[in-house]
């Protein structure tokens, strides 16, 4: 076991670049699930069941609003990422879809 990277941080290998993930699918799925829960809790509340469904409807509404806000944030974050990727010095960096749906990472065909 080598202790040099622990004792001297300059000996460490460089960290890998972070992987870009397409969050739109996750946020849209979350909004869909909150919407289904909202419809269900509204139906049960309007049918006269316990008052907890009133609070559940409000919570589901906030979940939908937060999901929409996160979609807007993700749109602008993705725009910044694509802009910075297009300004890469080599010009050969592009996005490649990984086998896991929705995951993206940068790919350089030169292997470096």
C-alpha atoms as a PDB file:
ATOM      1  CA  UNK A   1       0.000   0.000   0.000  1.00  0.00           C
ATOM      2  CA  UNK A   2       1.416   3.372  -0.986  1.00  0.00           C
ATOM      3  CA  UNK A   3       1.059   6.219   1.500  1.00  0.00           C
ATOM      4  CA  UNK A   4       2.643   8.881  -0.709  1.00  0.00           C
ATOM      5  CA  UNK A   5      -0.696  10.129  -2.157  1.00  0.00           C
ATOM      6  CA  UNK A   6      -2.092  10.426   1.358  1.00  0.00           C
ATOM      7  CA  UNK A   7       0.923  12.283   2.722  1.00  0.00           C
ATOM      8  CA  UNK A   8       1.651  14.385  -0.369  1.00  0.00           C
ATOM      9  CA  UNK A   9      -1.417  15.384  -2.462  1.00  0.00           C
ATOM     10  CA  UNK A  10       0.806  16.433  -5.386  1.00  0.00           C
ATOM     11  CA  UNK A  11       1.745  12.773  -6.006  1.00  0.00           C
ATOM     12  CA  UNK A  12      -1.876  11.795  -6.681  1.00  0.00           C
ATOM     13  CA  UNK A  13      -3.094  10.987 -10.142  1.00  0.00           C
ATOM     14  CA  UNK A  14      -5.431  13.599 -11.631  1.00  0.00           C
ATOM     15  CA  UNK A  15      -9.118  13.070 -10.934  1.00  0.00           C
ATOM     16  CA  UNK A  16     -11.255  11.842 -13.827  1.00  0.00           C
ATOM     17  CA  UNK A  17     -13.572  14.327 -15.492  1.00  0.00           C
ATOM     18  CA  UNK A  18     -17.131  14.253 -14.158  1.00  0.00           C
ATOM     19  CA  UNK A  19     -19.681  12.364 -16.211  1.00  0.00           C
ATOM     20  CA  UNK A  20     -22.540  14.374 -17.712  1.00  0.00           C
ATOM     21  CA  UNK A  21     -25.975  12.954 -17.015  1.00  0.00           C
ATOM     22  CA  UNK A  22     -29.190  13.866 -18.844  1.00  0.00           C
ATOM     23  CA  UNK A  23     -31.464  14.858 -15.963  1.00  0.00           C
ATOM     24  CA  UNK A  24     -34.487  15.684 -18.134  1.00  0.00           C
ATOM     25  CA  UNK A  25     -35.671  12.070 -18.099  1.00  0.00           C
ATOM     26  CA  UNK A  26     -35.391  11.849 -14.319  1.00  0.00           C
ATOM     27  CA  UNK A  27     -37.202  15.156 -13.767  1.00  0.00           C
ATOM     28  CA  UNK A  28     -39.948  14.270 -16.263  1.00  0.00           C
ATOM     29  CA  UNK A  29     -40.439  10.891 -14.608  1.00  0.00           C
ATOM     30  CA  UNK A  30     -40.656  12.596 -11.223  1.00  0.00           C
ATOM     31  CA  UNK A  31     -43.224  15.099 -12.502  1.00  0.00           C
ATOM     32  CA  UNK A  32     -45.250  12.245 -13.992  1.00  0.00           C
ATOM     33  CA  UNK A  33     -45.239  10.347 -10.693  1.00  0.00           C
ATOM     34  CA  UNK A  34     -46.167  13.472  -8.700  1.00  0.00           C
ATOM     35  CA  UNK A  35     -49.005  14.118 -11.163  1.00  0.00           C
ATOM     36  CA  UNK A  36     -50.371  10.596 -10.742  1.00  0.00           C
ATOM     37  CA  UNK A  37     -50.179  10.968  -6.968  1.00  0.00           C
ATOM     38  CA  UNK A  38     -51.922  14.349  -7.211  1.00  0.00           C
ATOM     39  CA  UNK A  39     -54.815  12.923  -9.217  1.00  0.00           C
ATOM     40  CA  UNK A  40     -55.191  10.038  -6.782  1.00  0.00           C
ATOM     41  CA  UNK A  41     -55.071  12.206  -3.668  1.00  0.00           C
ATOM     42  CA  UNK A  42     -57.484  14.763  -5.166  1.00  0.00           C
ATOM     43  CA  UNK A  43     -59.969  12.026  -6.018  1.00  0.00           C
ATOM     44  CA  UNK A  44     -59.800  10.542  -2.532  1.00  0.00           C
ATOM     45  CA  UNK A  45     -60.022  13.976  -0.898  1.00  0.00           C
ATOM     46  CA  UNK A  46     -63.018  15.023  -3.010  1.00  0.00           C
ATOM     47  CA  UNK A  47     -64.763  11.708  -2.298  1.00  0.00           C
ATOM     48  CA  UNK A  48     -64.758  12.612   1.377  1.00  0.00           C
ATOM     49  CA  UNK A  49     -61.983  10.444   2.740  1.00  0.00           C
ATOM     50  CA  UNK A  50     -59.707  11.586   5.558  1.00  0.00           C
ATOM     51  CA  UNK A  51     -58.403  15.143   5.544  1.00  0.00           C
ATOM     52  CA  UNK A  52     -54.846  13.913   5.105  1.00  0.00           C
ATOM     53  CA  UNK A  53     -55.484  13.780   1.349  1.00  0.00           C
ATOM     54  CA  UNK A  54     -55.894  17.568   1.325  1.00  0.00           C
ATOM     55  CA  UNK A  55     -52.354  17.952   2.617  1.00  0.00           C
ATOM     56  CA  UNK A  56     -51.148  15.225   0.277  1.00  0.00           C
ATOM     57  CA  UNK A  57     -52.607  17.134  -2.677  1.00  0.00           C
ATOM     58  CA  UNK A  58     -50.722  20.262  -1.638  1.00  0.00           C
ATOM     59  CA  UNK A  59     -47.494  18.272  -1.275  1.00  0.00           C
ATOM     60  CA  UNK A  60     -47.979  16.719  -4.735  1.00  0.00           C
ATOM     61  CA  UNK A  61     -48.599  20.171  -6.214  1.00  0.00           C
ATOM     62  CA  UNK A  62     -45.337  21.429  -4.724  1.00  0.00           C
ATOM     63  CA  UNK A  63     -43.566  18.362  -6.097  1.00  0.00           C
ATOM     64  CA  UNK A  64     -44.783  19.206  -9.592  1.00  0.00           C
ATOM     65  CA  UNK A  65     -43.760  22.878  -9.242  1.00  0.00           C
ATOM     66  CA  UNK A  66     -40.296  21.912  -7.991  1.00  0.00           C
ATOM     67  CA  UNK A  67     -39.905  19.409 -10.847  1.00  0.00           C
ATOM     68  CA  UNK A  68     -40.758  22.087 -13.389  1.00  0.00           C
ATOM     69  CA  UNK A  69     -38.293  24.485 -11.746  1.00  0.00           C
ATOM     70  CA  UNK A  70     -35.604  21.801 -11.929  1.00  0.00           C
ATOM     71  CA  UNK A  71     -36.348  21.283 -15.633  1.00  0.00           C
ATOM     72  CA  UNK A  72     -35.716  24.993 -16.224  1.00  0.00           C
ATOM     73  CA  UNK A  73     -32.484  24.805 -14.208  1.00  0.00           C
ATOM     74  CA  UNK A  74     -31.353  21.714 -16.113  1.00  0.00           C
ATOM     75  CA  UNK A  75     -32.060  23.419 -19.442  1.00  0.00           C
ATOM     76  CA  UNK A  76     -29.720  26.297 -18.642  1.00  0.00           C
ATOM     77  CA  UNK A  77     -27.106  24.041 -17.028  1.00  0.00           C
ATOM     78  CA  UNK A  78     -27.082  21.806 -20.130  1.00  0.00           C
ATOM     79  CA  UNK A  79     -26.780  24.897 -22.337  1.00  0.00           C
ATOM     80  CA  UNK A  80     -23.680  26.022 -20.386  1.00  0.00           C
ATOM     81  CA  UNK A  81     -22.192  22.534 -20.601  1.00  0.00           C
ATOM     82  CA  UNK A  82     -22.665  22.309 -24.369  1.00  0.00           C
ATOM     83  CA  UNK A  83     -21.221  25.793 -24.813  1.00  0.00           C
ATOM     84  CA  UNK A  84     -18.120  24.904 -22.790  1.00  0.00           C
ATOM     85  CA  UNK A  85     -17.746  21.592 -24.671  1.00  0.00           C
ATOM     86  CA  UNK A  86     -17.855  23.397 -28.026  1.00  0.00           C
ATOM     87  CA  UNK A  87     -15.052  25.674 -26.825  1.00  0.00           C
ATOM     88  CA  UNK A  88     -12.720  22.710 -26.163  1.00  0.00           C
ATOM     89  CA  UNK A  89      -9.189  23.298 -27.473  1.00  0.00           C
ATOM     90  CA  UNK A  90      -8.897  20.037 -29.418  1.00  0.00           C
ATOM     91  CA  UNK A  91     -12.308  20.330 -31.045  1.00  0.00           C
ATOM     92  CA  UNK A  92     -12.572  16.537 -31.152  1.00  0.00           C
ATOM     93  CA  UNK A  93     -14.524  16.107 -27.933  1.00  0.00           C
ATOM     94  CA  UNK A  94     -18.118  15.035 -28.428  1.00  0.00           C
ATOM     95  CA  UNK A  95     -20.921  13.533 -26.381  1.00  0.00           C
ATOM     96  CA  UNK A  96     -21.389   9.782 -26.483  1.00  0.00           C
ATOM     97  CA  UNK A  97     -24.333   7.859 -25.045  1.00  0.00           C
ATOM     98  CA  UNK A  98     -23.356   5.163 -22.586  1.00  0.00           C
ATOM     99  CA  UNK A  99     -25.136   1.789 -22.465  1.00  0.00           C
ATOM    100  CA  UNK A 100     -27.056   3.001 -19.401  1.00  0.00           C
ATOM    101  CA  UNK A 101     -29.936   5.170 -20.734  1.00  0.00           C
ATOM    102  CA  UNK A 102     -29.616   8.870 -20.130  1.00  0.00           C
ATOM    103  CA  UNK A 103     -25.926   8.940 -19.230  1.00  0.00           C
ATOM    104  CA  UNK A 104     -23.538  10.957 -21.360  1.00  0.00           C
ATOM    105  CA  UNK A 105     -19.815  11.514 -21.182  1.00  0.00           C
ATOM    106  CA  UNK A 106     -17.147  13.182 -23.254  1.00  0.00           C
ATOM    107  CA  UNK A 107     -15.390  10.974 -25.758  1.00  0.00           C
ATOM    108  CA  UNK A 108     -12.128  11.757 -27.505  1.00  0.00           C
ATOM    109  CA  UNK A 109     -11.489   9.460 -30.495  1.00  0.00           C
ATOM    110  CA  UNK A 110      -7.710   9.798 -30.084  1.00  0.00           C
ATOM    111  CA  UNK A 111      -7.897   7.815 -26.840  1.00  0.00           C
ATOM    112  CA  UNK A 112      -6.614  10.671 -24.702  1.00  0.00           C
END
